[in-house]
Amino acid sequence: MAEEASAYELEGLENQLENLLSCYSSDALRVDSKLFCSEFCKLVEEYASHWQVPLPQLRILEIALVYFTQASSFFTSNCDHVVHTLSSLAL
């Protein structure tokens, strides 16, 4: 039962990350990557906080990193908030 809930939540996370990414065109990410990073962190923290065991949390971080990597190709090179976002994910 817990595995089904976990799979359902992970699918929800993927959908929300996809929506977040699609809200920002490549041009919008270049201009406002700080807002994207803020919303991204809130979303990932919300999903990770539902679990107190490592395996679902690691899967959440794996999914999050895939989407963050896709978005980061549009970021400008000097983004302190991007480094902060990656540090937050590492914690």
PDB file of N, CA and C in Angstrom:
ATOM      1  N   MET A   1       0.823  -1.197   0.000  1.00  0.00           N
ATOM      2  CA  MET A   1       0.000   0.000   0.000  1.00  0.00           C
ATOM      3  C   MET A   1       0.861   1.253   0.000  1.00  0.00           C
ATOM      4  N   ALA A   2       1.919   1.239   0.814  1.00  0.00           N
ATOM      5  CA  ALA A   2       2.800   2.405   0.878  1.00  0.00           C
ATOM      6  C   ALA A   2       3.518   2.617  -0.454  1.00  0.00           C
ATOM      7  N   GLU A   3       3.842   1.507  -1.125  1.00  0.00           N
ATOM      8  CA  GLU A   3       4.512   1.637  -2.415  1.00  0.00           C
ATOM      9  C   GLU A   3       3.594   2.289  -3.446  1.00  0.00           C
ATOM     10  N   GLU A   4       2.307   1.957  -3.403  1.00  0.00           N
ATOM     11  CA  GLU A   4       1.350   2.559  -4.336  1.00  0.00           C
ATOM     12  C   GLU A   4       1.215   4.057  -4.067  1.00  0.00           C
ATOM     13  N   ALA A   5       1.148   4.426  -2.793  1.00  0.00           N
ATOM     14  CA  ALA A   5       1.067   5.845  -2.434  1.00  0.00           C
ATOM     15  C   ALA A   5       2.326   6.564  -2.867  1.00  0.00           C
ATOM     16  N   SER A   6       3.456   5.911  -2.694  1.00  0.00           N
ATOM     17  CA  SER A   6       4.733   6.502  -3.079  1.00  0.00           C
ATOM     18  C   SER A   6       4.782   6.737  -4.589  1.00  0.00           C
ATOM     19  N   ALA A   7       4.381   5.755  -5.365  1.00  0.00           N
ATOM     20  CA  ALA A   7       4.383   5.888  -6.824  1.00  0.00           C
ATOM     21  C   ALA A   7       3.428   6.986  -7.262  1.00  0.00           C
ATOM     22  N   TYR A   8       2.266   7.063  -6.613  1.00  0.00           N
ATOM     23  CA  TYR A   8       1.280   8.091  -6.938  1.00  0.00           C
ATOM     24  C   TYR A   8       1.834   9.481  -6.637  1.00  0.00           C
ATOM     25  N   GLU A   9       2.487   9.638  -5.478  1.00  0.00           N
ATOM     26  CA  GLU A   9       3.057  10.938  -5.118  1.00  0.00           C
ATOM     27  C   GLU A   9       4.206  11.317  -6.054  1.00  0.00           C
ATOM     28  N   LEU A  10       5.020  10.342  -6.428  1.00  0.00           N
ATOM     29  CA  LEU A  10       6.124  10.637  -7.331  1.00  0.00           C
ATOM     30  C   LEU A  10       5.609  11.086  -8.693  1.00  0.00           C
ATOM     31  N   GLU A  11       4.527  10.478  -9.135  1.00  0.00           N
ATOM     32  CA  GLU A  11       3.917  10.894 -10.393  1.00  0.00           C
ATOM     33  C   GLU A  11       3.397  12.328 -10.273  1.00  0.00           C
ATOM     34  N   GLY A  12       2.797  12.641  -9.128  1.00  0.00           N
ATOM     35  CA  GLY A  12       2.318  14.002  -8.872  1.00  0.00           C
ATOM     36  C   GLY A  12       3.459  15.005  -8.873  1.00  0.00           C
ATOM     37  N   LEU A  13       4.578  14.618  -8.275  1.00  0.00           N
ATOM     38  CA  LEU A  13       5.760  15.490  -8.261  1.00  0.00           C
ATOM     39  C   LEU A  13       6.251  15.735  -9.679  1.00  0.00           C
ATOM     40  N   GLU A  14       6.352  14.681 -10.455  1.00  0.00           N
ATOM     41  CA  GLU A  14       6.804  14.831 -11.836  1.00  0.00           C
ATOM     42  C   GLU A  14       5.876  15.750 -12.626  1.00  0.00           C
ATOM     43  N   ASN A  15       4.583  15.593 -12.431  1.00  0.00           N
ATOM     44  CA  ASN A  15       3.622  16.455 -13.127  1.00  0.00           C
ATOM     45  C   ASN A  15       3.797  17.919 -12.723  1.00  0.00           C
ATOM     46  N   GLN A  16       3.955  18.157 -11.437  1.00  0.00           N
ATOM     47  CA  GLN A  16       4.102  19.531 -10.975  1.00  0.00           C
ATOM     48  C   GLN A  16       5.432  20.143 -11.424  1.00  0.00           C
ATOM     49  N   LEU A  17       6.499  19.345 -11.430  1.00  0.00           N
ATOM     50  CA  LEU A  17       7.782  19.862 -11.923  1.00  0.00           C
ATOM     51  C   LEU A  17       7.703  20.155 -13.423  1.00  0.00           C
ATOM     52  N   GLU A  18       7.024  19.296 -14.153  1.00  0.00           N
ATOM     53  CA  GLU A  18       6.832  19.522 -15.594  1.00  0.00           C
ATOM     54  C   GLU A  18       6.049  20.806 -15.825  1.00  0.00           C
ATOM     55  N   ASN A  19       4.995  21.016 -15.029  1.00  0.00           N
ATOM     56  CA  ASN A  19       4.209  22.245 -15.151  1.00  0.00           C
ATOM     57  C   ASN A  19       5.039  23.473 -14.808  1.00  0.00           C
ATOM     58  N   LEU A  20       5.839  23.366 -13.760  1.00  0.00           N
ATOM     59  CA  LEU A  20       6.693  24.484 -13.380  1.00  0.00           C
ATOM     60  C   LEU A  20       7.669  24.814 -14.498  1.00  0.00           C
ATOM     61  N   LEU A  21       8.267  23.790 -15.054  1.00  0.00           N
ATOM     62  CA  LEU A  21       9.224  23.989 -16.144  1.00  0.00           C
ATOM     63  C   LEU A  21       8.543  24.584 -17.374  1.00  0.00           C
ATOM     64  N   SER A  22       7.330  24.141 -17.653  1.00  0.00           N
ATOM     65  CA  SER A  22       6.638  24.659 -18.836  1.00  0.00           C
ATOM     66  C   SER A  22       6.124  26.088 -18.627  1.00  0.00           C
ATOM     67  N   CYS A  23       5.960  26.497 -17.375  1.00  0.00           N
ATOM     68  CA  CYS A  23       5.544  27.887 -17.093  1.00  0.00           C
ATOM     69  C   CYS A  23       6.626  28.887 -17.489  1.00  0.00           C
ATOM     70  N   TYR A  24       7.827  28.395 -17.535  1.00  0.00           N
ATOM     71  CA  TYR A  24       8.958  29.259 -17.872  1.00  0.00           C
ATOM     72  C   TYR A  24       9.494  28.847 -19.233  1.00  0.00           C
ATOM     73  N   SER A  25       9.413  29.746 -20.174  1.00  0.00           N
ATOM     74  CA  SER A  25      10.046  29.477 -21.465  1.00  0.00           C
ATOM     75  C   SER A  25      11.542  29.627 -21.257  1.00  0.00           C
ATOM     76  N   SER A  26      12.319  29.261 -22.219  1.00  0.00           N
ATOM     77  CA  SER A  26      13.774  29.408 -22.080  1.00  0.00           C
ATOM     78  C   SER A  26      14.145  30.861 -21.813  1.00  0.00           C
ATOM     79  N   ASP A  27      13.441  31.803 -22.449  1.00  0.00           N
ATOM     80  CA  ASP A  27      13.728  33.221 -22.217  1.00  0.00           C
ATOM     81  C   ASP A  27      13.360  33.648 -20.802  1.00  0.00           C
ATOM     82  N   ALA A  28      12.243  33.137 -20.295  1.00  0.00           N
ATOM     83  CA  ALA A  28      11.822  33.491 -18.942  1.00  0.00           C
ATOM     84  C   ALA A  28      12.794  32.936 -17.909  1.00  0.00           C
ATOM     85  N   LEU A  29      13.343  31.751 -18.147  1.00  0.00           N
ATOM     86  CA  LEU A  29      14.320  31.191 -17.217  1.00  0.00           C
ATOM     87  C   LEU A  29      15.596  32.022 -17.195  1.00  0.00           C
ATOM     88  N   ARG A  30      15.989  32.548 -18.326  1.00  0.00           N
ATOM     89  CA  ARG A  30      17.189  33.396 -18.370  1.00  0.00           C
ATOM     90  C   ARG A  30      16.972  34.668 -17.562  1.00  0.00           C
ATOM     91  N   VAL A  31      15.775  35.204 -17.632  1.00  0.00           N
ATOM     92  CA  VAL A  31      15.472  36.464 -16.963  1.00  0.00           C
ATOM     93  C   VAL A  31      15.153  36.243 -15.484  1.00  0.00           C
ATOM     94  N   ASP A  32      14.388  35.214 -15.176  1.00  0.00           N
ATOM     95  CA  ASP A  32      13.893  35.057 -13.814  1.00  0.00           C
ATOM     96  C   ASP A  32      14.175  33.664 -13.247  1.00  0.00           C
ATOM     97  N   SER A  33      15.397  33.232 -13.319  1.00  0.00           N
ATOM     98  CA  SER A  33      15.733  31.923 -12.780  1.00  0.00           C
ATOM     99  C   SER A  33      15.643  31.903 -11.256  1.00  0.00           C
ATOM    100  N   LYS A  34      15.746  33.071 -10.618  1.00  0.00           N
ATOM    101  CA  LYS A  34      15.643  33.132  -9.164  1.00  0.00           C
ATOM    102  C   LYS A  34      14.241  32.718  -8.708  1.00  0.00           C
ATOM    103  N   LEU A  35      13.212  33.194  -9.391  1.00  0.00           N
ATOM    104  CA  LEU A  35      11.843  32.825  -9.062  1.00  0.00           C
ATOM    105  C   LEU A  35      11.615  31.332  -9.318  1.00  0.00           C
ATOM    106  N   PHE A  36      12.131  30.838 -10.425  1.00  0.00           N
ATOM    107  CA  PHE A  36      12.008  29.410 -10.726  1.00  0.00           C
ATOM    108  C   PHE A  36      12.653  28.588  -9.620  1.00  0.00           C
ATOM    109  N   CYS A  37      13.859  28.946  -9.201  1.00  0.00           N
ATOM    110  CA  CYS A  37      14.571  28.197  -8.166  1.00  0.00           C
ATOM    111  C   CYS A  37      13.801  28.208  -6.849  1.00  0.00           C
ATOM    112  N   SER A  38      13.223  29.337  -6.525  1.00  0.00           N
ATOM    113  CA  SER A  38      12.445  29.449  -5.297  1.00  0.00           C
ATOM    114  C   SER A  38      11.227  28.519  -5.337  1.00  0.00           C
ATOM    115  N   GLU A  39      10.480  28.559  -6.411  1.00  0.00           N
ATOM    116  CA  GLU A  39       9.300  27.706  -6.545  1.00  0.00           C
ATOM    117  C   GLU A  39       9.697  26.232  -6.601  1.00  0.00           C
ATOM    118  N   PHE A  40      10.798  25.951  -7.272  1.00  0.00           N
ATOM    119  CA  PHE A  40      11.297  24.588  -7.384  1.00  0.00           C
ATOM    120  C   PHE A  40      11.627  24.027  -5.997  1.00  0.00           C
ATOM    121  N   CYS A  41      12.349  24.798  -5.187  1.00  0.00           N
ATOM    122  CA  CYS A  41      12.725  24.338  -3.847  1.00  0.00           C
ATOM    123  C   CYS A  41      11.505  24.093  -2.969  1.00  0.00           C
ATOM    124  N   LYS A  42      10.546  24.994  -3.019  1.00  0.00           N
ATOM    125  CA  LYS A  42       9.329  24.826  -2.222  1.00  0.00           C
ATOM    126  C   LYS A  42       8.615  23.534  -2.589  1.00  0.00           C
ATOM    127  N   LEU A  43       8.514  23.279  -3.866  1.00  0.00           N
ATOM    128  CA  LEU A  43       7.824  22.088  -4.347  1.00  0.00           C
ATOM    129  C   LEU A  43       8.543  20.810  -3.896  1.00  0.00           C
ATOM    130  N   VAL A  44       9.843  20.766  -4.076  1.00  0.00           N
ATOM    131  CA  VAL A  44      10.613  19.574  -3.697  1.00  0.00           C
ATOM    132  C   VAL A  44      10.583  19.367  -2.180  1.00  0.00           C
ATOM    133  N   GLU A  45      10.721  20.440  -1.423  1.00  0.00           N
ATOM    134  CA  GLU A  45      10.676  20.329   0.040  1.00  0.00           C
ATOM    135  C   GLU A  45       9.318  19.826   0.506  1.00  0.00           C
ATOM    136  N   GLU A  46       8.264  20.297  -0.135  1.00  0.00           N
ATOM    137  CA  GLU A  46       6.908  19.855   0.226  1.00  0.00           C
ATOM    138  C   GLU A  46       6.769  18.346   0.046  1.00  0.00           C
ATOM    139  N   TYR A  47       7.220  17.834  -1.084  1.00  0.00           N
ATOM    140  CA  TYR A  47       7.096  16.402  -1.338  1.00  0.00           C
ATOM    141  C   TYR A  47       8.028  15.592  -0.445  1.00  0.00           C
ATOM    142  N   ALA A  48       9.241  16.052  -0.242  1.00  0.00           N
ATOM    143  CA  ALA A  48      10.198  15.305   0.577  1.00  0.00           C
ATOM    144  C   ALA A  48       9.772  15.266   2.044  1.00  0.00           C
ATOM    145  N   SER A  49       9.069  16.291   2.498  1.00  0.00           N
ATOM    146  CA  SER A  49       8.659  16.339   3.908  1.00  0.00           C
ATOM    147  C   SER A  49       7.600  15.305   4.258  1.00  0.00           C
ATOM    148  N   HIS A  50       6.945  14.736   3.266  1.00  0.00           N
ATOM    149  CA  HIS A  50       5.917  13.724   3.522  1.00  0.00           C
ATOM    150  C   HIS A  50       6.508  12.379   3.923  1.00  0.00           C
ATOM    151  N   TRP A  51       7.796  12.217   3.727  1.00  0.00           N
ATOM    152  CA  TRP A  51       8.432  10.923   3.965  1.00  0.00           C
ATOM    153  C   TRP A  51       9.524  11.045   5.019  1.00  0.00           C
ATOM    154  N   GLN A  52       9.558  10.096   5.934  1.00  0.00           N
ATOM    155  CA  GLN A  52      10.593  10.068   6.960  1.00  0.00           C
ATOM    156  C   GLN A  52      11.584   8.924   6.728  1.00  0.00           C
ATOM    157  N   VAL A  53      11.396   8.208   5.633  1.00  0.00           N
ATOM    158  CA  VAL A  53      12.306   7.112   5.291  1.00  0.00           C
ATOM    159  C   VAL A  53      13.110   7.510   4.058  1.00  0.00           C
ATOM    160  N   PRO A  54      14.341   7.031   3.965  1.00  0.00           N
ATOM    161  CA  PRO A  54      15.257   7.519   2.922  1.00  0.00           C
ATOM    162  C   PRO A  54      14.893   7.189   1.473  1.00  0.00           C
ATOM    163  N   LEU A  55      14.362   6.005   1.202  1.00  0.00           N
ATOM    164  CA  LEU A  55      14.179   5.607  -0.193  1.00  0.00           C
ATOM    165  C   LEU A  55      13.249   6.532  -0.978  1.00  0.00           C
ATOM    166  N   PRO A  56      12.049   6.845  -0.496  1.00  0.00           N
ATOM    167  CA  PRO A  56      11.211   7.787  -1.254  1.00  0.00           C
ATOM    168  C   PRO A  56      11.849   9.182  -1.349  1.00  0.00           C
ATOM    169  N   GLN A  57      12.532   9.611  -0.309  1.00  0.00           N
ATOM    170  CA  GLN A  57      13.192  10.921  -0.351  1.00  0.00           C
ATOM    171  C   GLN A  57      14.280  10.947  -1.419  1.00  0.00           C
ATOM    172  N   LEU A  58      15.040   9.863  -1.515  1.00  0.00           N
ATOM    173  CA  LEU A  58      16.083   9.801  -2.542  1.00  0.00           C
ATOM    174  C   LEU A  58      15.481   9.798  -3.943  1.00  0.00           C
ATOM    175  N   ARG A  59      14.387   9.109  -4.110  1.00  0.00           N
ATOM    176  CA  ARG A  59      13.708   9.085  -5.424  1.00  0.00           C
ATOM    177  C   ARG A  59      13.186  10.471  -5.779  1.00  0.00           C
ATOM    178  N   ILE A  60      12.661  11.191  -4.782  1.00  0.00           N
ATOM    179  CA  ILE A  60      12.192  12.565  -4.993  1.00  0.00           C
ATOM    180  C   ILE A  60      13.351  13.443  -5.442  1.00  0.00           C
ATOM    181  N   LEU A  61      14.486  13.317  -4.781  1.00  0.00           N
ATOM    182  CA  LEU A  61      15.654  14.127  -5.157  1.00  0.00           C
ATOM    183  C   LEU A  61      16.176  13.753  -6.540  1.00  0.00           C
ATOM    184  N   GLU A  62      16.122  12.478  -6.867  1.00  0.00           N
ATOM    185  CA  GLU A  62      16.549  12.045  -8.199  1.00  0.00           C
ATOM    186  C   GLU A  62      15.681  12.682  -9.281  1.00  0.00           C
ATOM    187  N   ILE A  63      14.371  12.632  -9.087  1.00  0.00           N
ATOM    188  CA  ILE A  63      13.440  13.241 -10.041  1.00  0.00           C
ATOM    189  C   ILE A  63      13.677  14.746 -10.126  1.00  0.00           C
ATOM    190  N   ALA A  64      13.831  15.377  -8.969  1.00  0.00           N
ATOM    191  CA  ALA A  64      14.041  16.823  -8.925  1.00  0.00           C
ATOM    192  C   ALA A  64      15.311  17.226  -9.673  1.00  0.00           C
ATOM    193  N   LEU A  65      16.371  16.467  -9.493  1.00  0.00           N
ATOM    194  CA  LEU A  65      17.629  16.800 -10.181  1.00  0.00           C
ATOM    195  C   LEU A  65      17.508  16.682 -11.695  1.00  0.00           C
ATOM    196  N   VAL A  66      16.730  15.725 -12.160  1.00  0.00           N
ATOM    197  CA  VAL A  66      16.518  15.578 -13.612  1.00  0.00           C
ATOM    198  C   VAL A  66      15.861  16.839 -14.169  1.00  0.00           C
ATOM    199  N   TYR A  67      14.814  17.299 -13.499  1.00  0.00           N
ATOM    200  CA  TYR A  67      14.109  18.495 -13.972  1.00  0.00           C
ATOM    201  C   TYR A  67      14.949  19.754 -13.794  1.00  0.00           C
ATOM    202  N   PHE A  68      15.697  19.816 -12.701  1.00  0.00           N
ATOM    203  CA  PHE A  68      16.541  20.991 -12.482  1.00  0.00           C
ATOM    204  C   PHE A  68      17.642  21.063 -13.535  1.00  0.00           C
ATOM    205  N   THR A  69      18.167  19.925 -13.911  1.00  0.00           N
ATOM    206  CA  THR A  69      19.197  19.887 -14.956  1.00  0.00           C
ATOM    207  C   THR A  69      18.635  20.382 -16.283  1.00  0.00           C
ATOM    208  N   GLN A  70      17.409  19.990 -16.599  1.00  0.00           N
ATOM    209  CA  GLN A  70      16.778  20.467 -17.828  1.00  0.00           C
ATOM    210  C   GLN A  70      16.642  21.984 -17.799  1.00  0.00           C
ATOM    211  N   ALA A  71      16.210  22.522 -16.677  1.00  0.00           N
ATOM    212  CA  ALA A  71      16.013  23.971 -16.561  1.00  0.00           C
ATOM    213  C   ALA A  71      17.343  24.720 -16.537  1.00  0.00           C
ATOM    214  N   SER A  72      18.346  24.135 -15.923  1.00  0.00           N
ATOM    215  CA  SER A  72      19.613  24.858 -15.737  1.00  0.00           C
ATOM    216  C   SER A  72      20.329  25.160 -17.046  1.00  0.00           C
ATOM    217  N   SER A  73      19.994  24.457 -18.097  1.00  0.00           N
ATOM    218  CA  SER A  73      20.633  24.756 -19.381  1.00  0.00           C
ATOM    219  C   SER A  73      20.246  26.145 -19.885  1.00  0.00           C
ATOM    220  N   PHE A  74      19.176  26.723 -19.319  1.00  0.00           N
ATOM    221  CA  PHE A  74      18.736  28.053 -19.721  1.00  0.00           C
ATOM    222  C   PHE A  74      19.202  29.154 -18.771  1.00  0.00           C
ATOM    223  N   PHE A  75      19.797  28.782 -17.631  1.00  0.00           N
ATOM    224  CA  PHE A  75      20.225  29.787 -16.668  1.00  0.00           C
ATOM    225  C   PHE A  75      21.446  30.544 -17.164  1.00  0.00           C
ATOM    226  N   THR A  76      21.576  31.795 -16.710  1.00  0.00           N
ATOM    227  CA  THR A  76      22.798  32.534 -16.991  1.00  0.00           C
ATOM    228  C   THR A  76      23.923  31.924 -16.168  1.00  0.00           C
ATOM    229  N   SER A  77      25.150  32.212 -16.525  1.00  0.00           N
ATOM    230  CA  SER A  77      26.276  31.534 -15.891  1.00  0.00           C
ATOM    231  C   SER A  77      26.532  31.971 -14.445  1.00  0.00           C
ATOM    232  N   ASN A  78      26.183  33.186 -14.067  1.00  0.00           N
ATOM    233  CA  ASN A  78      26.437  33.669 -12.706  1.00  0.00           C
ATOM    234  C   ASN A  78      25.147  33.721 -11.903  1.00  0.00           C
ATOM    235  N   CYS A  79      24.723  32.593 -11.403  1.00  0.00           N
ATOM    236  CA  CYS A  79      23.480  32.527 -10.629  1.00  0.00           C
ATOM    237  C   CYS A  79      23.783  31.981  -9.239  1.00  0.00           C
ATOM    238  N   ASP A  80      23.913  32.870  -8.265  1.00  0.00           N
ATOM    239  CA  ASP A  80      24.162  32.422  -6.900  1.00  0.00           C
ATOM    240  C   ASP A  80      22.996  31.602  -6.369  1.00  0.00           C
ATOM    241  N   HIS A  81      21.778  31.958  -6.779  1.00  0.00           N
ATOM    242  CA  HIS A  81      20.613  31.232  -6.283  1.00  0.00           C
ATOM    243  C   HIS A  81      20.570  29.800  -6.822  1.00  0.00           C
ATOM    244  N   VAL A  82      21.200  29.551  -7.958  1.00  0.00           N
ATOM    245  CA  VAL A  82      21.268  28.190  -8.487  1.00  0.00           C
ATOM    246  C   VAL A  82      22.174  27.348  -7.588  1.00  0.00           C
ATOM    247  N   VAL A  83      23.293  27.903  -7.185  1.00  0.00           N
ATOM    248  CA  VAL A  83      24.202  27.208  -6.278  1.00  0.00           C
ATOM    249  C   VAL A  83      23.501  26.944  -4.940  1.00  0.00           C
ATOM    250  N   HIS A  84      22.755  27.937  -4.476  1.00  0.00           N
ATOM    251  CA  HIS A  84      22.002  27.777  -3.229  1.00  0.00           C
ATOM    252  C   HIS A  84      20.953  26.668  -3.366  1.00  0.00           C
ATOM    253  N   THR A  85      20.282  26.625  -4.490  1.00  0.00           N
ATOM    254  CA  THR A  85      19.273  25.578  -4.724  1.00  0.00           C
ATOM    255  C   THR A  85      19.900  24.199  -4.697  1.00  0.00           C
ATOM    256  N   LEU A  86      21.021  24.034  -5.350  1.00  0.00           N
ATOM    257  CA  LEU A  86      21.710  22.738  -5.364  1.00  0.00           C
ATOM    258  C   LEU A  86      22.198  22.373  -3.971  1.00  0.00           C
ATOM    259  N   SER A  87      22.661  23.348  -3.220  1.00  0.00           N
ATOM    260  CA  SER A  87      23.086  23.088  -1.835  1.00  0.00           C
ATOM    261  C   SER A  87      21.908  22.652  -0.982  1.00  0.00           C
ATOM    262  N   SER A  88      20.763  23.284  -1.198  1.00  0.00           N
ATOM    263  CA  SER A  88      19.556  22.913  -0.448  1.00  0.00           C
ATOM    264  C   SER A  88      19.141  21.485  -0.759  1.00  0.00           C
ATOM    265  N   LEU A  89      19.241  21.098  -2.003  1.00  0.00           N
ATOM    266  CA  LEU A  89      18.893  19.719  -2.379  1.00  0.00           C
ATOM    267  C   LEU A  89      19.856  18.720  -1.746  1.00  0.00           C
ATOM    268  N   ALA A  90      21.101  19.110  -1.623  1.00  0.00           N
ATOM    269  CA  ALA A  90      22.095  18.207  -1.047  1.00  0.00           C
ATOM    270  C   ALA A  90      21.844  17.960   0.431  1.00  0.00           C
ATOM    271  N   LEU A  91      21.266  18.945   1.105  1.00  0.00           N
ATOM    272  CA  LEU A  91      20.985  18.776   2.529  1.00  0.00           C
ATOM    273  C   LEU A  91      19.838  17.824   2.721  1.00  0.00           C
TER     274      LEU A  91
END
